[in-house]
Amino acid sequence: MPRRTVWAIAVAVAAMVAGLAIVLVGFGALRAPDVSRPACSQLPSKIAVSTALTDHPDLTAQIEAAGAGVHVTSTSPCSDYPDRALVTITYRTKVERTEVDHILTTADGFGVPAELVKN
């Protein structure tokens, strides 16, 4: 096979691989999801989440001390289940996210699902 043909095939294959990678990254296929939330029907009640936050003021304070952009709230993420909720921790920076992750993996937690959301 002539050298020019081999180069043309190699360039075409490289372009296809690069294009496919761009498309997959664009659709999120190569990225792990940021959060994994239980199904809406399996979320605890709003009362249970509110109680969990009330019962763990030190953990809430510790998490919110991770940065100025970190806030802990109770939210109802599913419109079909307005009586269900979870703890939502919002953050602004990667440093804040890293610190919150560290706290959540070393502390006992709230006892109800929590999700981290970049604000």
N, C-alpha and C. Protein backbone atom coordinates (compact mmCIF):
# COMPACT_ATOMS: atom_id res chain seq x y z
N MET A 1 0.86 -1.17 0.00
CA MET A 1 0.00 0.00 0.00
C MET A 1 0.90 1.23 0.00
N PRO A 2 0.60 2.20 -0.84
CA PRO A 2 1.44 3.39 -0.90
C PRO A 2 1.41 4.17 0.42
N ARG A 3 2.54 4.81 0.68
CA ARG A 3 2.69 5.54 1.93
C ARG A 3 1.62 6.64 2.07
N ARG A 4 1.27 7.29 1.01
CA ARG A 4 0.27 8.36 1.04
C ARG A 4 -1.09 7.80 1.46
N THR A 5 -1.45 6.63 1.00
CA THR A 5 -2.72 6.00 1.36
C THR A 5 -2.74 5.64 2.83
N VAL A 6 -1.64 5.11 3.35
CA VAL A 6 -1.55 4.76 4.77
C VAL A 6 -1.74 6.00 5.63
N TRP A 7 -1.08 7.10 5.25
CA TRP A 7 -1.23 8.35 6.01
C TRP A 7 -2.66 8.87 5.95
N ALA A 8 -3.28 8.76 4.81
CA ALA A 8 -4.67 9.23 4.66
C ALA A 8 -5.60 8.41 5.54
N ILE A 9 -5.40 7.11 5.59
CA ILE A 9 -6.22 6.24 6.44
C ILE A 9 -5.98 6.56 7.91
N ALA A 10 -4.72 6.75 8.29
CA ALA A 10 -4.40 7.06 9.69
C ALA A 10 -5.02 8.39 10.11
N VAL A 11 -4.96 9.38 9.26
CA VAL A 11 -5.55 10.69 9.57
C VAL A 11 -7.07 10.56 9.67
N ALA A 12 -7.67 9.81 8.78
CA ALA A 12 -9.13 9.63 8.80
C ALA A 12 -9.56 8.92 10.08
N VAL A 13 -8.85 7.88 10.47
CA VAL A 13 -9.18 7.14 11.69
C VAL A 13 -9.00 8.05 12.92
N ALA A 14 -7.92 8.81 12.96
CA ALA A 14 -7.68 9.71 14.09
C ALA A 14 -8.78 10.77 14.17
N ALA A 15 -9.20 11.28 13.04
CA ALA A 15 -10.28 12.29 13.02
C ALA A 15 -11.59 11.69 13.50
N MET A 16 -11.87 10.45 13.11
CA MET A 16 -13.10 9.79 13.56
C MET A 16 -13.07 9.55 15.06
N VAL A 17 -11.95 9.10 15.58
CA VAL A 17 -11.81 8.86 17.02
C VAL A 17 -11.97 10.17 17.79
N ALA A 18 -11.33 11.22 17.33
CA ALA A 18 -11.44 12.52 18.00
C ALA A 18 -12.87 13.03 17.94
N GLY A 19 -13.51 12.90 16.80
CA GLY A 19 -14.90 13.33 16.67
C GLY A 19 -15.82 12.55 17.58
N LEU A 20 -15.63 11.24 17.65
CA LEU A 20 -16.45 10.41 18.52
C LEU A 20 -16.24 10.79 19.99
N ALA A 21 -15.00 11.04 20.37
CA ALA A 21 -14.72 11.44 21.75
C ALA A 21 -15.41 12.76 22.08
N ILE A 22 -15.38 13.71 21.16
CA ILE A 22 -16.04 15.00 21.39
C ILE A 22 -17.54 14.81 21.55
N VAL A 23 -18.13 13.99 20.70
CA VAL A 23 -19.57 13.74 20.79
C VAL A 23 -19.92 13.05 22.10
N LEU A 24 -19.16 12.03 22.48
CA LEU A 24 -19.46 11.31 23.72
C LEU A 24 -19.29 12.20 24.94
N VAL A 25 -18.27 13.02 24.96
CA VAL A 25 -18.08 13.94 26.09
C VAL A 25 -19.23 14.94 26.12
N GLY A 26 -19.63 15.41 24.96
CA GLY A 26 -20.75 16.35 24.89
C GLY A 26 -22.03 15.76 25.44
N PHE A 27 -22.26 14.48 25.24
CA PHE A 27 -23.45 13.82 25.76
C PHE A 27 -23.24 13.24 27.15
N GLY A 28 -22.05 13.34 27.68
CA GLY A 28 -21.78 12.88 29.03
C GLY A 28 -21.49 11.39 29.14
N ALA A 29 -21.33 10.71 28.04
CA ALA A 29 -21.11 9.27 28.10
C ALA A 29 -19.76 8.89 28.70
N LEU A 30 -18.78 9.79 28.62
CA LEU A 30 -17.47 9.48 29.18
C LEU A 30 -17.29 10.02 30.58
N ARG A 31 -18.29 10.76 31.07
CA ARG A 31 -18.21 11.33 32.41
C ARG A 31 -19.12 10.55 33.35
N ALA A 32 -18.65 10.37 34.56
CA ALA A 32 -19.50 9.75 35.58
C ALA A 32 -20.51 10.78 36.05
N PRO A 33 -21.71 10.35 36.39
CA PRO A 33 -22.68 11.33 36.89
C PRO A 33 -22.18 11.97 38.18
N ASP A 34 -22.55 13.25 38.37
CA ASP A 34 -22.11 13.97 39.56
C ASP A 34 -22.77 13.44 40.82
N VAL A 35 -24.03 13.10 40.70
CA VAL A 35 -24.75 12.59 41.86
C VAL A 35 -25.60 11.41 41.45
N SER A 36 -25.89 10.60 42.42
CA SER A 36 -26.80 9.49 42.22
C SER A 36 -27.88 9.62 43.28
N ARG A 37 -29.08 9.93 42.86
CA ARG A 37 -30.19 10.18 43.77
C ARG A 37 -31.12 8.95 43.76
N PRO A 38 -31.66 8.57 44.92
CA PRO A 38 -32.65 7.49 44.94
C PRO A 38 -33.86 7.88 44.10
N ALA A 39 -34.61 6.89 43.68
CA ALA A 39 -35.84 7.16 42.94
C ALA A 39 -36.75 8.04 43.79
N CYS A 40 -37.51 8.90 43.14
CA CYS A 40 -38.37 9.84 43.87
C CYS A 40 -39.28 9.13 44.86
N SER A 41 -39.81 7.99 44.48
CA SER A 41 -40.72 7.26 45.37
C SER A 41 -40.00 6.70 46.60
N GLN A 42 -38.66 6.64 46.55
CA GLN A 42 -37.90 6.10 47.67
C GLN A 42 -37.29 7.18 48.56
N LEU A 43 -37.49 8.44 48.21
CA LEU A 43 -36.97 9.52 49.05
C LEU A 43 -37.75 9.57 50.36
N PRO A 44 -37.12 10.02 51.43
CA PRO A 44 -37.83 10.15 52.71
C PRO A 44 -38.82 11.33 52.67
N SER A 45 -39.67 11.37 53.66
CA SER A 45 -40.64 12.46 53.74
C SER A 45 -39.94 13.78 54.06
N LYS A 46 -40.62 14.89 53.77
CA LYS A 46 -40.08 16.20 54.11
C LYS A 46 -39.84 16.30 55.62
N ILE A 47 -40.75 15.73 56.39
CA ILE A 47 -40.62 15.78 57.85
C ILE A 47 -39.36 15.05 58.31
N ALA A 48 -39.08 13.88 57.71
CA ALA A 48 -37.90 13.11 58.09
C ALA A 48 -36.62 13.89 57.77
N VAL A 49 -36.59 14.56 56.63
CA VAL A 49 -35.41 15.34 56.25
C VAL A 49 -35.26 16.55 57.16
N SER A 50 -36.35 17.22 57.44
CA SER A 50 -36.31 18.37 58.35
C SER A 50 -35.82 17.95 59.73
N THR A 51 -36.31 16.81 60.20
CA THR A 51 -35.88 16.28 61.50
C THR A 51 -34.38 15.95 61.47
N ALA A 52 -33.92 15.35 60.38
CA ALA A 52 -32.50 15.01 60.26
C ALA A 52 -31.63 16.26 60.33
N LEU A 53 -32.06 17.33 59.68
CA LEU A 53 -31.29 18.57 59.74
C LEU A 53 -31.31 19.16 61.15
N THR A 54 -32.45 19.09 61.80
CA THR A 54 -32.57 19.59 63.17
C THR A 54 -31.72 18.78 64.14
N ASP A 55 -31.66 17.47 63.89
CA ASP A 55 -30.91 16.58 64.78
C ASP A 55 -29.40 16.63 64.56
N HIS A 56 -28.94 17.25 63.49
CA HIS A 56 -27.51 17.28 63.17
C HIS A 56 -27.02 18.71 62.91
N PRO A 57 -27.23 19.63 63.85
CA PRO A 57 -26.80 21.02 63.61
C PRO A 57 -25.28 21.16 63.49
N ASP A 58 -24.54 20.32 64.20
CA ASP A 58 -23.08 20.41 64.13
C ASP A 58 -22.57 20.01 62.74
N LEU A 59 -23.18 18.97 62.16
CA LEU A 59 -22.78 18.54 60.82
C LEU A 59 -23.13 19.61 59.80
N THR A 60 -24.32 20.19 59.93
CA THR A 60 -24.72 21.26 59.02
C THR A 60 -23.74 22.42 59.11
N ALA A 61 -23.39 22.82 60.32
CA ALA A 61 -22.45 23.92 60.51
C ALA A 61 -21.07 23.59 59.94
N GLN A 62 -20.62 22.37 60.16
CA GLN A 62 -19.31 21.95 59.66
C GLN A 62 -19.29 22.00 58.13
N ILE A 63 -20.36 21.51 57.50
CA ILE A 63 -20.43 21.52 56.04
C ILE A 63 -20.46 22.96 55.52
N GLU A 64 -21.30 23.81 56.12
CA GLU A 64 -21.40 25.18 55.65
C GLU A 64 -20.12 25.97 55.90
N ALA A 65 -19.31 25.54 56.85
CA ALA A 65 -18.02 26.19 57.10
C ALA A 65 -16.97 25.83 56.04
N ALA A 66 -17.31 24.91 55.15
CA ALA A 66 -16.38 24.50 54.10
C ALA A 66 -16.12 25.61 53.09
N GLY A 67 -16.97 26.61 53.05
CA GLY A 67 -16.76 27.72 52.12
C GLY A 67 -17.95 28.65 52.09
N ALA A 68 -17.71 29.86 51.61
CA ALA A 68 -18.77 30.87 51.57
C ALA A 68 -19.91 30.49 50.64
N GLY A 69 -19.63 29.62 49.67
CA GLY A 69 -20.67 29.21 48.71
C GLY A 69 -21.39 27.94 49.08
N VAL A 70 -21.13 27.40 50.26
CA VAL A 70 -21.73 26.13 50.68
C VAL A 70 -22.95 26.38 51.55
N HIS A 71 -24.07 25.77 51.16
CA HIS A 71 -25.32 25.91 51.91
C HIS A 71 -26.02 24.56 51.99
N VAL A 72 -26.64 24.29 53.13
CA VAL A 72 -27.34 23.03 53.36
C VAL A 72 -28.82 23.34 53.53
N THR A 73 -29.66 22.68 52.71
CA THR A 73 -31.11 22.90 52.78
C THR A 73 -31.84 21.59 52.54
N SER A 74 -33.13 21.62 52.79
CA SER A 74 -34.01 20.51 52.45
C SER A 74 -34.75 20.90 51.18
N THR A 75 -34.74 20.03 50.18
CA THR A 75 -35.45 20.32 48.94
C THR A 75 -36.31 19.14 48.52
N SER A 76 -37.32 19.44 47.74
CA SER A 76 -38.19 18.43 47.14
C SER A 76 -37.93 18.43 45.64
N PRO A 77 -37.07 17.54 45.16
CA PRO A 77 -36.64 17.59 43.77
C PRO A 77 -37.63 16.99 42.77
N CYS A 78 -38.67 16.32 43.25
CA CYS A 78 -39.57 15.61 42.35
C CYS A 78 -40.97 16.21 42.40
N SER A 79 -41.41 16.81 41.31
CA SER A 79 -42.73 17.44 41.29
C SER A 79 -43.86 16.43 41.47
N ASP A 80 -43.64 15.18 41.08
CA ASP A 80 -44.67 14.15 41.27
C ASP A 80 -44.77 13.66 42.71
N TYR A 81 -43.76 13.97 43.52
CA TYR A 81 -43.73 13.55 44.92
C TYR A 81 -43.39 14.76 45.80
N PRO A 82 -44.29 15.73 45.90
CA PRO A 82 -43.98 16.95 46.65
C PRO A 82 -43.79 16.74 48.14
N ASP A 83 -44.23 15.58 48.66
CA ASP A 83 -44.06 15.29 50.08
C ASP A 83 -42.75 14.58 50.38
N ARG A 84 -41.93 14.34 49.35
CA ARG A 84 -40.63 13.67 49.51
C ARG A 84 -39.52 14.69 49.40
N ALA A 85 -38.43 14.44 50.10
CA ALA A 85 -37.34 15.43 50.10
C ALA A 85 -35.99 14.75 50.30
N LEU A 86 -34.95 15.57 50.23
CA LEU A 86 -33.59 15.14 50.54
C LEU A 86 -32.79 16.37 50.96
N VAL A 87 -31.63 16.13 51.53
CA VAL A 87 -30.74 17.22 51.91
C VAL A 87 -29.98 17.64 50.65
N THR A 88 -30.03 18.92 50.33
CA THR A 88 -29.29 19.44 49.19
C THR A 88 -28.18 20.34 49.70
N ILE A 89 -26.97 20.04 49.27
CA ILE A 89 -25.80 20.82 49.65
C ILE A 89 -25.30 21.51 48.39
N THR A 90 -25.41 22.83 48.36
CA THR A 90 -24.93 23.57 47.20
C THR A 90 -23.53 24.10 47.49
N TYR A 91 -22.74 24.19 46.44
CA TYR A 91 -21.36 24.67 46.54
C TYR A 91 -21.03 25.43 45.26
N ARG A 92 -19.99 26.25 45.32
CA ARG A 92 -19.59 27.03 44.14
C ARG A 92 -18.30 26.55 43.49
N THR A 93 -17.34 26.13 44.30
CA THR A 93 -16.01 25.84 43.75
C THR A 93 -15.62 24.38 43.94
N LYS A 94 -14.62 23.98 43.19
CA LYS A 94 -14.10 22.62 43.31
C LYS A 94 -13.51 22.39 44.70
N VAL A 95 -12.87 23.41 45.25
CA VAL A 95 -12.29 23.29 46.60
C VAL A 95 -13.40 23.04 47.62
N GLU A 96 -14.51 23.78 47.50
CA GLU A 96 -15.64 23.56 48.40
C GLU A 96 -16.19 22.15 48.24
N ARG A 97 -16.33 21.71 47.01
CA ARG A 97 -16.85 20.36 46.76
C ARG A 97 -15.95 19.31 47.39
N THR A 98 -14.66 19.47 47.24
CA THR A 98 -13.71 18.51 47.81
C THR A 98 -13.83 18.47 49.33
N GLU A 99 -13.94 19.64 49.95
CA GLU A 99 -14.05 19.71 51.41
C GLU A 99 -15.36 19.07 51.88
N VAL A 100 -16.46 19.36 51.20
CA VAL A 100 -17.75 18.77 51.57
C VAL A 100 -17.70 17.25 51.40
N ASP A 101 -17.12 16.78 50.31
CA ASP A 101 -16.96 15.33 50.11
C ASP A 101 -16.20 14.71 51.28
N HIS A 102 -15.12 15.36 51.68
CA HIS A 102 -14.32 14.85 52.80
C HIS A 102 -15.15 14.77 54.08
N ILE A 103 -15.90 15.80 54.35
CA ILE A 103 -16.73 15.81 55.56
C ILE A 103 -17.76 14.69 55.50
N LEU A 104 -18.43 14.55 54.37
CA LEU A 104 -19.48 13.53 54.26
C LEU A 104 -18.94 12.10 54.32
N THR A 105 -17.70 11.92 53.89
CA THR A 105 -17.14 10.56 53.92
C THR A 105 -16.51 10.22 55.26
N THR A 106 -16.28 11.22 56.11
CA THR A 106 -15.67 10.95 57.41
C THR A 106 -16.66 11.12 58.56
N ALA A 107 -17.75 11.82 58.35
CA ALA A 107 -18.76 12.02 59.41
C ALA A 107 -19.84 10.95 59.28
N ASP A 108 -20.68 10.87 60.30
CA ASP A 108 -21.77 9.88 60.27
C ASP A 108 -22.86 10.22 59.28
N GLY A 109 -23.02 11.47 58.92
CA GLY A 109 -24.02 11.87 57.96
C GLY A 109 -25.34 12.22 58.61
N PHE A 110 -26.32 12.55 57.76
CA PHE A 110 -27.63 12.98 58.24
C PHE A 110 -28.59 11.82 58.46
N GLY A 111 -28.31 10.67 57.88
CA GLY A 111 -29.23 9.54 57.99
C GLY A 111 -30.32 9.56 56.93
N VAL A 112 -30.28 10.52 56.04
CA VAL A 112 -31.20 10.62 54.90
C VAL A 112 -30.36 10.95 53.68
N PRO A 113 -30.89 10.74 52.48
CA PRO A 113 -30.10 11.04 51.28
C PRO A 113 -29.72 12.52 51.20
N ALA A 114 -28.53 12.74 50.71
CA ALA A 114 -28.03 14.09 50.48
C ALA A 114 -27.41 14.13 49.08
N GLU A 115 -27.60 15.26 48.42
CA GLU A 115 -26.97 15.43 47.11
C GLU A 115 -26.21 16.74 47.07
N LEU A 116 -25.12 16.74 46.31
CA LEU A 116 -24.33 17.94 46.13
C LEU A 116 -24.67 18.54 44.78
N VAL A 117 -24.89 19.84 44.78
CA VAL A 117 -25.28 20.54 43.56
C VAL A 117 -24.39 21.76 43.38
N LYS A 118 -23.75 21.86 42.23
CA LYS A 118 -22.93 23.04 41.95
C LYS A 118 -23.85 24.22 41.69
N ASN A 119 -23.61 25.30 42.40
CA ASN A 119 -24.45 26.49 42.29
C ASN A 119 -23.88 27.46 41.29
